[in-house]
C-alpha atoms as a PDB file:
ATOM      1  CA  MET A   1      24.773 -22.783 -15.775  1.00  0.00           C
ATOM      2  CA  PRO A   2      22.649 -25.238 -13.939  1.00  0.00           C
ATOM      3  CA  GLU A   3      23.508 -26.943 -10.704  1.00  0.00           C
ATOM      4  CA  ARG A   4      22.195 -30.063 -12.427  1.00  0.00           C
ATOM      5  CA  ARG A   5      24.255 -29.604 -15.561  1.00  0.00           C
ATOM      6  CA  SER A   6      25.958 -32.499 -17.337  1.00  0.00           C
ATOM      7  CA  ARG A   7      29.352 -33.430 -16.005  1.00  0.00           C
ATOM      8  CA  GLN A   8      30.765 -33.568 -19.519  1.00  0.00           C
ATOM      9  CA  ILE A   9      33.422 -30.936 -20.094  1.00  0.00           C
ATOM     10  CA  ALA A  10      31.689 -29.660 -23.212  1.00  0.00           C
ATOM     11  CA  ALA A  11      28.500 -28.760 -21.353  1.00  0.00           C
ATOM     12  CA  PRO A  12      27.986 -25.086 -20.481  1.00  0.00           C
ATOM     13  CA  ARG A  13      26.800 -24.071 -17.041  1.00  0.00           C
ATOM     14  CA  ARG A  14      23.202 -23.994 -18.186  1.00  0.00           C
ATOM     15  CA  GLY A  15      23.449 -27.145 -20.266  1.00  0.00           C
ATOM     16  CA  PHE A  16      21.551 -26.926 -23.503  1.00  0.00           C
ATOM     17  CA  MET A  17      18.292 -25.783 -21.902  1.00  0.00           C
ATOM     18  CA  LYS A  18      19.097 -22.264 -23.025  1.00  0.00           C
ATOM     19  CA  GLY A  19      19.212 -23.083 -26.707  1.00  0.00           C
ATOM     20  CA  LEU A  20      16.111 -20.993 -27.300  1.00  0.00           C
ATOM     21  CA  ALA A  21      17.369 -17.961 -25.414  1.00  0.00           C
ATOM     22  CA  SER A  22      18.218 -16.284 -28.690  1.00  0.00           C
ATOM     23  CA  LEU A  23      14.523 -16.399 -29.619  1.00  0.00           C
ATOM     24  CA  ALA A  24      13.611 -13.271 -27.734  1.00  0.00           C
ATOM     25  CA  ALA A  25       9.925 -13.573 -28.494  1.00  0.00           C
ATOM     26  CA  VAL A  26       9.632 -17.110 -27.132  1.00  0.00           C
ATOM     27  CA  PRO A  27       9.871 -18.000 -23.416  1.00  0.00           C
ATOM     28  CA  LEU A  28      12.219 -20.887 -22.683  1.00  0.00           C
ATOM     29  CA  VAL A  29       9.542 -22.230 -20.334  1.00  0.00           C
ATOM     30  CA  ALA A  30       6.114 -20.778 -19.891  1.00  0.00           C
ATOM     31  CA  ALA A  31       6.268 -17.789 -17.556  1.00  0.00           C
ATOM     32  CA  SER A  32       3.987 -18.207 -14.560  1.00  0.00           C
ATOM     33  CA  SER A  33       2.364 -15.739 -12.211  1.00  0.00           C
ATOM     34  CA  VAL A  34       1.702 -15.708  -8.504  1.00  0.00           C
ATOM     35  CA  SER A  35      -2.000 -16.468  -8.293  1.00  0.00           C
ATOM     36  CA  GLY A  36      -3.937 -13.760  -6.511  1.00  0.00           C
ATOM     37  CA  ALA A  37      -0.815 -11.801  -5.594  1.00  0.00           C
ATOM     38  CA  ALA A  38      -0.588  -8.023  -5.549  1.00  0.00           C
ATOM     39  CA  ALA A  39       0.568  -6.323  -8.716  1.00  0.00           C
ATOM     40  CA  VAL A  40       4.263  -6.449  -9.558  1.00  0.00           C
ATOM     41  CA  PRO A  41       5.883  -3.268  -8.175  1.00  0.00           C
ATOM     42  CA  ALA A  42       6.636  -0.821 -10.971  1.00  0.00           C
ATOM     43  CA  ASP A  43       9.372   0.687  -8.779  1.00  0.00           C
ATOM     44  CA  PRO A  44      11.374  -2.053  -7.036  1.00  0.00           C
ATOM     45  CA  LEU A  45      12.829   0.451  -4.548  1.00  0.00           C
ATOM     46  CA  ALA A  46       9.458   1.720  -3.299  1.00  0.00           C
ATOM     47  CA  GLY A  47       9.255   1.295   0.465  1.00  0.00           C
ATOM     48  CA  ARG A  48      12.748  -0.200   0.647  1.00  0.00           C
ATOM     49  CA  THR A  49      16.021   0.981   2.156  1.00  0.00           C
ATOM     50  CA  LEU A  50      19.593   0.140   1.254  1.00  0.00           C
ATOM     51  CA  VAL A  51      20.867  -2.676   3.488  1.00  0.00           C
ATOM     52  CA  PHE A  52      24.071  -3.663   1.665  1.00  0.00           C
ATOM     53  CA  SER A  53      26.261  -1.976  -0.915  1.00  0.00           C
ATOM     54  CA  ASP A  54      29.614  -2.713  -2.490  1.00  0.00           C
ATOM     55  CA  ASP A  55      30.753   0.059  -4.834  1.00  0.00           C
ATOM     56  CA  PHE A  56      34.020  -1.777  -5.555  1.00  0.00           C
ATOM     57  CA  THR A  57      36.443   0.982  -4.648  1.00  0.00           C
ATOM     58  CA  THR A  58      38.414  -2.019  -3.388  1.00  0.00           C
ATOM     59  CA  LEU A  59      37.879  -5.776  -3.676  1.00  0.00           C
ATOM     60  CA  ASP A  60      37.210  -7.088  -0.179  1.00  0.00           C
ATOM     61  CA  SER A  61      38.278 -10.740  -0.100  1.00  0.00           C
ATOM     62  CA  ARG A  62      36.651 -11.121   3.318  1.00  0.00           C
ATOM     63  CA  ILE A  63      33.292 -10.774   1.559  1.00  0.00           C
ATOM     64  CA  TRP A  64      33.997 -12.097  -1.935  1.00  0.00           C
ATOM     65  CA  GLN A  65      35.347 -15.614  -2.367  1.00  0.00           C
ATOM     66  CA  ALA A  66      37.144 -16.060  -5.700  1.00  0.00           C
ATOM     67  CA  GLY A  67      37.376 -19.302  -7.641  1.00  0.00           C
ATOM     68  CA  PRO A  68      35.095 -22.185  -8.637  1.00  0.00           C
ATOM     69  CA  LYS A  69      31.453 -22.004  -7.619  1.00  0.00           C
ATOM     70  CA  ALA A  70      30.884 -23.023  -4.004  1.00  0.00           C
ATOM     71  CA  THR A  71      29.411 -26.512  -4.301  1.00  0.00           C
ATOM     72  CA  THR A  72      29.926 -30.168  -3.420  1.00  0.00           C
ATOM     73  CA  PHE A  73      27.942 -31.294  -6.479  1.00  0.00           C
ATOM     74  CA  ASP A  74      30.997 -31.114  -8.760  1.00  0.00           C
ATOM     75  CA  THR A  75      34.252 -29.149  -9.100  1.00  0.00           C
ATOM     76  CA  GLY A  76      32.492 -25.809  -9.510  1.00  0.00           C
ATOM     77  CA  PHE A  77      33.957 -25.200 -12.974  1.00  0.00           C
ATOM     78  CA  TYR A  78      31.872 -24.958 -16.133  1.00  0.00           C
ATOM     79  CA  GLY A  79      32.390 -23.877 -19.715  1.00  0.00           C
ATOM     80  CA  ARG A  80      35.756 -23.252 -21.384  1.00  0.00           C
ATOM     81  CA  SER A  81      37.605 -21.438 -18.589  1.00  0.00           C
ATOM     82  CA  ALA A  82      39.048 -22.066 -15.143  1.00  0.00           C
ATOM     83  CA  PHE A  83      37.833 -19.645 -12.471  1.00  0.00           C
ATOM     84  CA  ALA A  84      40.876 -18.216 -10.735  1.00  0.00           C
ATOM     85  CA  ARG A  85      41.484 -17.884  -7.033  1.00  0.00           C
ATOM     86  CA  ILE A  86      41.931 -14.362  -5.682  1.00  0.00           C
ATOM     87  CA  ASP A  87      45.666 -14.214  -6.505  1.00  0.00           C
ATOM     88  CA  GLY A  88      45.137 -15.609 -10.000  1.00  0.00           C
ATOM     89  CA  GLU A  89      46.220 -18.701 -11.910  1.00  0.00           C
ATOM     90  CA  GLU A  90      48.938 -19.309 -14.484  1.00  0.00           C
ATOM     91  CA  GLY A  91      50.403 -15.861 -13.852  1.00  0.00           C
ATOM     92  CA  PHE A  92      47.154 -14.065 -14.640  1.00  0.00           C
ATOM     93  CA  VAL A  93      44.949 -12.242 -12.103  1.00  0.00           C
ATOM     94  CA  PRO A  94      41.446 -11.631 -13.502  1.00  0.00           C
ATOM     95  CA  TYR A  95      40.233  -9.401 -10.651  1.00  0.00           C
ATOM     96  CA  VAL A  96      41.232  -5.722 -10.583  1.00  0.00           C
ATOM     97  CA  ILE A  97      39.714  -2.419  -9.520  1.00  0.00           C
ATOM     98  CA  VAL A  98      39.974   0.081 -12.370  1.00  0.00           C
ATOM     99  CA  ASP A  99      39.343   3.771 -12.845  1.00  0.00           C
ATOM    100  CA  ASP A 100      36.191   4.255 -14.897  1.00  0.00           C
ATOM    101  CA  PRO A 101      34.545   7.658 -15.408  1.00  0.00           C
ATOM    102  CA  LEU A 102      31.289   5.905 -16.353  1.00  0.00           C
ATOM    103  CA  ALA A 103      31.027   4.250 -12.927  1.00  0.00           C
ATOM    104  CA  GLU A 104      29.074   6.135 -10.275  1.00  0.00           C
ATOM    105  CA  ASN A 105      32.087   6.732  -8.041  1.00  0.00           C
ATOM    106  CA  GLY A 106      34.785   6.548 -10.731  1.00  0.00           C
ATOM    107  CA  LYS A 107      35.862   2.993  -9.858  1.00  0.00           C
ATOM    108  CA  ALA A 108      34.703  -0.412 -11.080  1.00  0.00           C
ATOM    109  CA  LEU A 109      35.457  -4.076 -10.564  1.00  0.00           C
ATOM    110  CA  GLN A 110      36.887  -5.608 -13.724  1.00  0.00           C
ATOM    111  CA  ILE A 111      36.738  -9.386 -14.174  1.00  0.00           C
ATOM    112  CA  SER A 112      38.722 -10.658 -17.152  1.00  0.00           C
ATOM    113  CA  ALA A 113      39.192 -13.813 -19.194  1.00  0.00           C
ATOM    114  CA  LYS A 114      42.501 -14.577 -20.906  1.00  0.00           C
ATOM    115  CA  TYR A 115      43.586 -17.298 -23.279  1.00  0.00           C
ATOM    116  CA  ILE A 116      46.707 -19.012 -21.895  1.00  0.00           C
ATOM    117  CA  GLY A 117      47.167 -21.442 -24.786  1.00  0.00           C
ATOM    118  CA  ARG A 118      49.386 -23.988 -23.034  1.00  0.00           C
ATOM    119  CA  THR A 119      49.014 -26.802 -20.533  1.00  0.00           C
ATOM    120  CA  MET A 120      47.777 -25.378 -17.229  1.00  0.00           C
ATOM    121  CA  ARG A 121      47.933 -26.651 -13.656  1.00  0.00           C
ATOM    122  CA  VAL A 122      44.718 -25.356 -12.138  1.00  0.00           C
ATOM    123  CA  PRO A 123      43.617 -27.771  -9.377  1.00  0.00           C
ATOM    124  CA  ALA A 124      40.642 -29.986 -10.328  1.00  0.00           C
ATOM    125  CA  TYR A 125      40.082 -28.188 -13.649  1.00  0.00           C
ATOM    126  CA  TYR A 126      39.085 -30.548 -16.458  1.00  0.00           C
ATOM    127  CA  GLY A 127      40.468 -28.394 -19.273  1.00  0.00           C
ATOM    128  CA  ASN A 128      44.129 -28.012 -18.288  1.00  0.00           C
ATOM    129  CA  GLY A 129      45.353 -30.102 -21.215  1.00  0.00           C
ATOM    130  CA  LEU A 130      42.750 -29.120 -23.799  1.00  0.00           C
ATOM    131  CA  PRO A 131      43.767 -26.191 -26.048  1.00  0.00           C
ATOM    132  CA  GLU A 132      40.236 -24.811 -26.443  1.00  0.00           C
ATOM    133  CA  PHE A 133      39.772 -24.819 -22.656  1.00  0.00           C
ATOM    134  CA  GLN A 134      43.071 -23.200 -21.661  1.00  0.00           C
ATOM    135  CA  TRP A 135      41.516 -19.967 -20.458  1.00  0.00           C
ATOM    136  CA  ILE A 136      41.609 -18.277 -17.058  1.00  0.00           C
ATOM    137  CA  SER A 137      38.607 -16.192 -16.003  1.00  0.00           C
ATOM    138  CA  GLY A 138      36.861 -15.076 -12.838  1.00  0.00           C
ATOM    139  CA  ASN A 139      34.028 -15.880 -10.461  1.00  0.00           C
ATOM    140  CA  LEU A 140      33.269 -14.013  -7.227  1.00  0.00           C
ATOM    141  CA  GLN A 141      30.697 -15.117  -4.653  1.00  0.00           C
ATOM    142  CA  THR A 142      29.723 -14.428  -1.052  1.00  0.00           C
ATOM    143  CA  ALA A 143      29.807 -18.099  -0.065  1.00  0.00           C
ATOM    144  CA  ARG A 144      32.558 -20.656   0.543  1.00  0.00           C
ATOM    145  CA  PRO A 145      32.908 -24.330  -0.396  1.00  0.00           C
ATOM    146  CA  ASP A 146      32.592 -25.354   3.275  1.00  0.00           C
ATOM    147  CA  GLY A 147      29.030 -24.003   3.317  1.00  0.00           C
ATOM    148  CA  THR A 148      29.805 -20.672   4.967  1.00  0.00           C
ATOM    149  CA  ILE A 149      27.558 -17.865   3.719  1.00  0.00           C
ATOM    150  CA  VAL A 150      29.443 -14.606   4.227  1.00  0.00           C
ATOM    151  CA  ALA A 151      26.551 -12.485   2.966  1.00  0.00           C
ATOM    152  CA  GLY A 152      23.111 -13.725   1.984  1.00  0.00           C
ATOM    153  CA  TRP A 153      19.482 -12.640   2.065  1.00  0.00           C
ATOM    154  CA  ARG A 154      16.122 -14.403   1.983  1.00  0.00           C
ATOM    155  CA  ASN A 155      14.205 -11.431   0.559  1.00  0.00           C
ATOM    156  CA  GLY A 156      14.974  -8.088  -1.012  1.00  0.00           C
ATOM    157  CA  TYR A 157      15.649  -6.237  -4.216  1.00  0.00           C
ATOM    158  CA  PHE A 158      19.084  -7.103  -5.578  1.00  0.00           C
ATOM    159  CA  GLU A 159      20.799  -5.009  -8.235  1.00  0.00           C
ATOM    160  CA  ALA A 160      24.109  -4.907 -10.069  1.00  0.00           C
ATOM    161  CA  ARG A 161      25.139  -2.230 -12.542  1.00  0.00           C
ATOM    162  CA  MET A 162      27.271  -4.004 -15.124  1.00  0.00           C
ATOM    163  CA  ARG A 163      28.929  -3.693 -18.520  1.00  0.00           C
ATOM    164  CA  PHE A 164      29.370  -6.829 -20.628  1.00  0.00           C
ATOM    165  CA  PRO A 165      31.960  -7.636 -23.289  1.00  0.00           C
ATOM    166  CA  LYS A 166      31.410  -8.177 -26.985  1.00  0.00           C
ATOM    167  CA  HIS A 167      33.151 -11.502 -27.653  1.00  0.00           C
ATOM    168  CA  PRO A 168      32.531 -14.761 -29.573  1.00  0.00           C
ATOM    169  CA  LEU A 169      32.648 -16.917 -26.420  1.00  0.00           C
ATOM    170  CA  SER A 170      31.902 -14.684 -23.422  1.00  0.00           C
ATOM    171  CA  PHE A 171      29.154 -15.682 -20.982  1.00  0.00           C
ATOM    172  CA  PRO A 172      28.959 -13.219 -18.073  1.00  0.00           C
ATOM    173  CA  ALA A 173      26.314 -13.595 -15.398  1.00  0.00           C
ATOM    174  CA  PHE A 174      24.886 -12.128 -12.202  1.00  0.00           C
ATOM    175  CA  TRP A 175      23.095 -14.907 -10.341  1.00  0.00           C
ATOM    176  CA  PHE A 176      22.099 -16.429  -7.015  1.00  0.00           C
ATOM    177  CA  MET A 177      22.111 -19.834  -5.337  1.00  0.00           C
ATOM    178  CA  ASN A 178      20.468 -20.866  -2.081  1.00  0.00           C
ATOM    179  CA  GLY A 179      22.751 -21.555   0.863  1.00  0.00           C
ATOM    180  CA  ARG A 180      21.864 -25.193   1.506  1.00  0.00           C
ATOM    181  CA  SER A 181      22.749 -26.078  -2.095  1.00  0.00           C
ATOM    182  CA  ILE A 182      26.471 -26.068  -1.236  1.00  0.00           C
ATOM    183  CA  LEU A 183      26.523 -29.031   1.153  1.00  0.00           C
ATOM    184  CA  LEU A 184      23.139 -30.530   0.250  1.00  0.00           C
ATOM    185  CA  PRO A 185      23.071 -30.299  -3.559  1.00  0.00           C
ATOM    186  CA  LYS A 186      20.429 -32.966  -4.153  1.00  0.00           C
ATOM    187  CA  THR A 187      18.046 -30.040  -4.582  1.00  0.00           C
ATOM    188  CA  SER A 188      18.918 -26.411  -5.172  1.00  0.00           C
ATOM    189  CA  ILE A 189      17.497 -23.083  -6.284  1.00  0.00           C
ATOM    190  CA  GLU A 190      19.299 -20.995  -8.879  1.00  0.00           C
ATOM    191  CA  ILE A 191      18.111 -17.557  -9.989  1.00  0.00           C
ATOM    192  CA  ASP A 192      19.867 -15.983 -12.944  1.00  0.00           C
ATOM    193  CA  VAL A 193      19.244 -12.267 -12.946  1.00  0.00           C
ATOM    194  CA  VAL A 194      21.174 -11.927 -16.195  1.00  0.00           C
ATOM    195  CA  GLU A 195      23.177 -14.175 -18.494  1.00  0.00           C
ATOM    196  CA  HIS A 196      24.652 -12.668 -21.619  1.00  0.00           C
ATOM    197  CA  LYS A 197      26.175 -14.194 -24.738  1.00  0.00           C
ATOM    198  CA  GLY A 198      28.814 -11.823 -26.082  1.00  0.00           C
ATOM    199  CA  TRP A 199      27.558 -11.990 -29.649  1.00  0.00           C
ATOM    200  CA  GLU A 200      23.906 -11.153 -28.817  1.00  0.00           C
ATOM    201  CA  LEU A 201      24.276  -7.421 -28.342  1.00  0.00           C
ATOM    202  CA  ASP A 202      20.679  -6.480 -27.520  1.00  0.00           C
ATOM    203  CA  LEU A 203      19.484  -9.642 -25.803  1.00  0.00           C
ATOM    204  CA  TYR A 204      20.075 -11.483 -22.530  1.00  0.00           C
ATOM    205  CA  GLY A 205      18.480 -14.319 -20.600  1.00  0.00           C
ATOM    206  CA  THR A 206      16.878 -14.406 -17.153  1.00  0.00           C
ATOM    207  CA  TYR A 207      15.927 -17.683 -15.424  1.00  0.00           C
ATOM    208  CA  LEU A 208      14.607 -19.424 -12.324  1.00  0.00           C
ATOM    209  CA  HIS A 209      15.704 -23.036 -11.771  1.00  0.00           C
ATOM    210  CA  GLU A 210      14.596 -25.287  -8.933  1.00  0.00           C
ATOM    211  CA  TRP A 211      16.807 -28.329  -9.454  1.00  0.00           C
ATOM    212  CA  GLY A 212      16.136 -31.861  -8.265  1.00  0.00           C
ATOM    213  CA  GLN A 213      13.090 -33.797  -7.186  1.00  0.00           C
ATOM    214  CA  PRO A 214      10.538 -33.477  -5.825  1.00  0.00           C
ATOM    215  CA  GLY A 215       9.242 -30.301  -7.405  1.00  0.00           C
ATOM    216  CA  GLU A 216      11.797 -29.564 -10.106  1.00  0.00           C
ATOM    217  CA  HIS A 217      10.710 -26.374 -11.842  1.00  0.00           C
ATOM    218  CA  HIS A 218      12.148 -24.051 -14.503  1.00  0.00           C
ATOM    219  CA  GLU A 219      11.244 -20.648 -15.900  1.00  0.00           C
ATOM    220  CA  GLY A 220      13.098 -18.413 -18.312  1.00  0.00           C
ATOM    221  CA  VAL A 221      12.917 -15.889 -21.128  1.00  0.00           C
ATOM    222  CA  GLY A 222      15.126 -14.029 -23.530  1.00  0.00           C
ATOM    223  CA  VAL A 223      14.983 -10.303 -22.778  1.00  0.00           C
ATOM    224  CA  PRO A 224      15.229  -7.958 -25.795  1.00  0.00           C
ATOM    225  CA  THR A 225      16.734  -4.706 -24.537  1.00  0.00           C
ATOM    226  CA  GLY A 226      16.382  -2.487 -27.593  1.00  0.00           C
ATOM    227  CA  THR A 227      19.928  -1.288 -27.026  1.00  0.00           C
ATOM    228  CA  ASP A 228      23.478  -2.632 -27.217  1.00  0.00           C
ATOM    229  CA  ILE A 229      24.241  -3.783 -23.672  1.00  0.00           C
ATOM    230  CA  THR A 230      27.952  -4.146 -24.470  1.00  0.00           C
ATOM    231  CA  ALA A 231      28.167  -0.389 -25.159  1.00  0.00           C
ATOM    232  CA  GLY A 232      27.672   0.813 -21.580  1.00  0.00           C
ATOM    233  CA  TYR A 233      26.529   0.082 -18.043  1.00  0.00           C
ATOM    234  CA  PHE A 234      23.004  -1.152 -17.320  1.00  0.00           C
ATOM    235  CA  ARG A 235      21.145  -2.099 -14.136  1.00  0.00           C
ATOM    236  CA  TYR A 236      20.040  -5.720 -13.748  1.00  0.00           C
ATOM    237  CA  GLY A 237      17.734  -6.390 -10.818  1.00  0.00           C
ATOM    238  CA  LEU A 238      15.797  -9.094  -9.009  1.00  0.00           C
ATOM    239  CA  LEU A 239      12.972  -8.800  -6.504  1.00  0.00           C
ATOM    240  CA  VAL A 240      12.502 -11.762  -4.148  1.00  0.00           C
ATOM    241  CA  ASP A 241       9.582 -11.441  -1.763  1.00  0.00           C
ATOM    242  CA  GLY A 242       8.455 -14.701  -0.185  1.00  0.00           C
ATOM    243  CA  ALA A 243       7.471 -16.929  -3.093  1.00  0.00           C
ATOM    244  CA  ARG A 244       7.568 -14.059  -5.593  1.00  0.00           C
ATOM    245  CA  CYS A 245      10.497 -13.715  -8.007  1.00  0.00           C
ATOM    246  CA  VAL A 246      10.537 -10.772 -10.457  1.00  0.00           C
ATOM    247  CA  PRO A 247      13.437  -9.798 -12.744  1.00  0.00           C
ATOM    248  CA  TYR A 248      14.052  -6.139 -13.664  1.00  0.00           C
ATOM    249  CA  PHE A 249      16.035  -4.333 -16.357  1.00  0.00           C
ATOM    250  CA  GLU A 250      16.872  -0.690 -15.709  1.00  0.00           C
ATOM    251  CA  ARG A 251      14.468  -0.882 -12.741  1.00  0.00           C
ATOM    252  CA  ARG A 252      11.537  -1.789 -14.964  1.00  0.00           C
ATOM    253  CA  PRO A 253       9.893  -5.220 -14.641  1.00  0.00           C
ATOM    254  CA  VAL A 254      10.875  -7.608 -17.414  1.00  0.00           C
ATOM    255  CA  LYS A 255       7.792  -8.509 -19.447  1.00  0.00           C
ATOM    256  CA  ASP A 256       6.526 -11.875 -20.596  1.00  0.00           C
ATOM    257  CA  PRO A 257       7.057 -11.739 -24.392  1.00  0.00           C
ATOM    258  CA  ARG A 258       3.773 -13.601 -24.973  1.00  0.00           C
ATOM    259  CA  SER A 259       1.379 -11.724 -22.718  1.00  0.00           C
ATOM    260  CA  GLY A 260       3.155  -8.380 -22.426  1.00  0.00           C
ATOM    261  CA  LEU A 261       2.631  -8.507 -18.653  1.00  0.00           C
ATOM    262  CA  PRO A 262       5.472  -8.318 -16.111  1.00  0.00           C
ATOM    263  CA  LEU A 263       7.054 -11.643 -15.268  1.00  0.00           C
ATOM    264  CA  ASP A 264       5.944 -12.831 -11.849  1.00  0.00           C
ATOM    265  CA  TRP A 265       7.489 -16.203 -11.141  1.00  0.00           C
ATOM    266  CA  THR A 266       6.727 -18.400  -8.141  1.00  0.00           C
ATOM    267  CA  ILE A 267       9.490 -20.042  -6.100  1.00  0.00           C
ATOM    268  CA  GLY A 268       7.943 -23.429  -5.399  1.00  0.00           C
ATOM    269  CA  ARG A 269      10.264 -24.142  -2.473  1.00  0.00           C
ATOM    270  CA  ALA A 270       9.665 -20.833  -0.699  1.00  0.00           C
ATOM    271  CA  ARG A 271       8.185 -22.544   2.353  1.00  0.00           C
ATOM    272  CA  GLN A 272      11.233 -24.809   2.616  1.00  0.00           C
ATOM    273  CA  LEU A 273      13.519 -21.787   2.455  1.00  0.00           C
ATOM    274  CA  ASP A 274      11.674 -20.219   5.373  1.00  0.00           C
ATOM    275  CA  GLU A 275      11.465 -23.408   7.442  1.00  0.00           C
ATOM    276  CA  GLN A 276      15.176 -24.083   6.977  1.00  0.00           C
ATOM    277  CA  GLY A 277      16.291 -20.494   7.507  1.00  0.00           C
ATOM    278  CA  ASP A 278      17.889 -20.512   4.078  1.00  0.00           C
ATOM    279  CA  VAL A 279      19.100 -17.486   2.113  1.00  0.00           C
ATOM    280  CA  PHE A 280      20.293 -16.567  -1.378  1.00  0.00           C
ATOM    281  CA  TRP A 281      23.929 -15.628  -2.052  1.00  0.00           C
ATOM    282  CA  PRO A 282      25.166 -13.761  -5.144  1.00  0.00           C
ATOM    283  CA  LEU A 283      27.739 -14.646  -7.796  1.00  0.00           C
ATOM    284  CA  LEU A 284      29.426 -12.357 -10.345  1.00  0.00           C
ATOM    285  CA  THR A 285      30.904 -14.493 -13.104  1.00  0.00           C
ATOM    286  CA  LEU A 286      32.711 -14.180 -16.407  1.00  0.00           C
ATOM    287  CA  ALA A 287      32.594 -17.603 -18.065  1.00  0.00           C
ATOM    288  CA  LEU A 288      33.146 -18.785 -21.639  1.00  0.00           C
ATOM    289  CA  ARG A 289      30.601 -20.951 -23.421  1.00  0.00           C
ATOM    290  CA  SER A 290      31.600 -24.381 -24.656  1.00  0.00           C
ATOM    291  CA  ASP A 291      28.567 -25.132 -26.844  1.00  0.00           C
ATOM    292  CA  VAL A 292      29.578 -22.809 -29.683  1.00  0.00           C
ATOM    293  CA  PRO A 293      32.433 -23.318 -32.178  1.00  0.00           C
ATOM    294  CA  PHE A 294      35.866 -22.229 -31.046  1.00  0.00           C
ATOM    295  CA  PRO A 295      37.021 -19.266 -33.158  1.00  0.00           C
ATOM    296  CA  ALA A 296      39.345 -20.348 -35.960  1.00  0.00           C
ATOM    297  CA  PRO A 297      41.543 -18.501 -35.916  1.00  0.00           C
ATOM    298  CA  LEU A 298      41.328 -16.958 -32.452  1.00  0.00           C
ATOM    299  CA  ARG A 299      41.959 -13.307 -33.202  1.00  0.00           C
ATOM    300  CA  GLU A 300      44.423 -11.334 -31.144  1.00  0.00           C
ATOM    301  CA  GLU A 301      41.707  -8.989 -29.868  1.00  0.00           C
ATOM    302  CA  HIS A 302      39.691 -11.979 -28.615  1.00  0.00           C
ATOM    303  CA  ARG A 303      42.477 -13.520 -26.527  1.00  0.00           C
ATOM    304  CA  GLU A 304      41.458 -11.368 -23.582  1.00  0.00           C
ATOM    305  CA  THR A 305      38.085  -9.894 -22.658  1.00  0.00           C
ATOM    306  CA  HIS A 306      36.570  -8.047 -19.686  1.00  0.00           C
ATOM    307  CA  MET A 307      33.326  -7.372 -17.889  1.00  0.00           C
ATOM    308  CA  ARG A 308      32.865  -4.588 -15.351  1.00  0.00           C
ATOM    309  CA  VAL A 309      30.692  -4.202 -12.260  1.00  0.00           C
ATOM    310  CA  ASP A 310      29.992  -0.697 -10.976  1.00  0.00           C
ATOM    311  CA  TYR A 311      28.190  -1.842  -7.842  1.00  0.00           C
ATOM    312  CA  PHE A 312      26.171  -4.590  -6.157  1.00  0.00           C
ATOM    313  CA  ARG A 313      23.376  -3.446  -3.845  1.00  0.00           C
ATOM    314  CA  VAL A 314      20.620  -4.960  -1.740  1.00  0.00           C
ATOM    315  CA  TYR A 315      17.459  -3.139  -0.668  1.00  0.00           C
ATOM    316  CA  GLY A 316      15.387  -4.597   2.138  1.00  0.00           C
END
């Protein structure tokens, strides 16, 4: 799902860089460590307090902007679906708060994708007239296309408790972009806490992308979970502390599959972030991949799919 992805309609958000994500034992790019830094915290909450929490008892549209990704680089769409505005598109609203006894407070945000299967009229969407692309899905973010950051943080531990769908096309994600990337997209920083392909039940990807020159830089691994992450809720976390970037699964540091040590990536543009007063803003997205064959036939049970978010929290 890269900021620098191809503009071709068939390109997924991440382009084809993630082709090796299914090889759980092989890093997409060599995982690097922060030279001389303190050990990766085993407990990401140690010494931290809760500074922001949305438990999704309601969907607050003052905080969460719905629709295409906030950017001036392109239209903000990617993959096989159009991201709906808050009131929906083509008669379908993908954002609802549902009762869920498995959520901590009995409520969860559900983001859905639905196959429309006819010509659509979604503004600026490239797939309106293409049968395989006539899907409506959802993307929520705490930033707006005019560059406004409603909620963002430079440092902290960020966590979402989520449940992903099992589906032949689904591509849900919890990710971050830096604020200046909206209006100044020549360079950008993208951190993907989790990306999941709906047919890889015990595997997901986590990535750091610093797009554009000078200093373009990419890290990423496939994360074998040892459990079916479509069968329940799991906690996906990210620690950002200065130049340090550490992904977590179930509050345990994700390990480098080659060394067995916790991943400890370096944000090369950390100094720029500080000098420019920049922050990271979160996105919760249910997309559909366009680099895999379209199901033939598309089964009735695959014409609509859902992901759920129990909460999003920030610890500072």
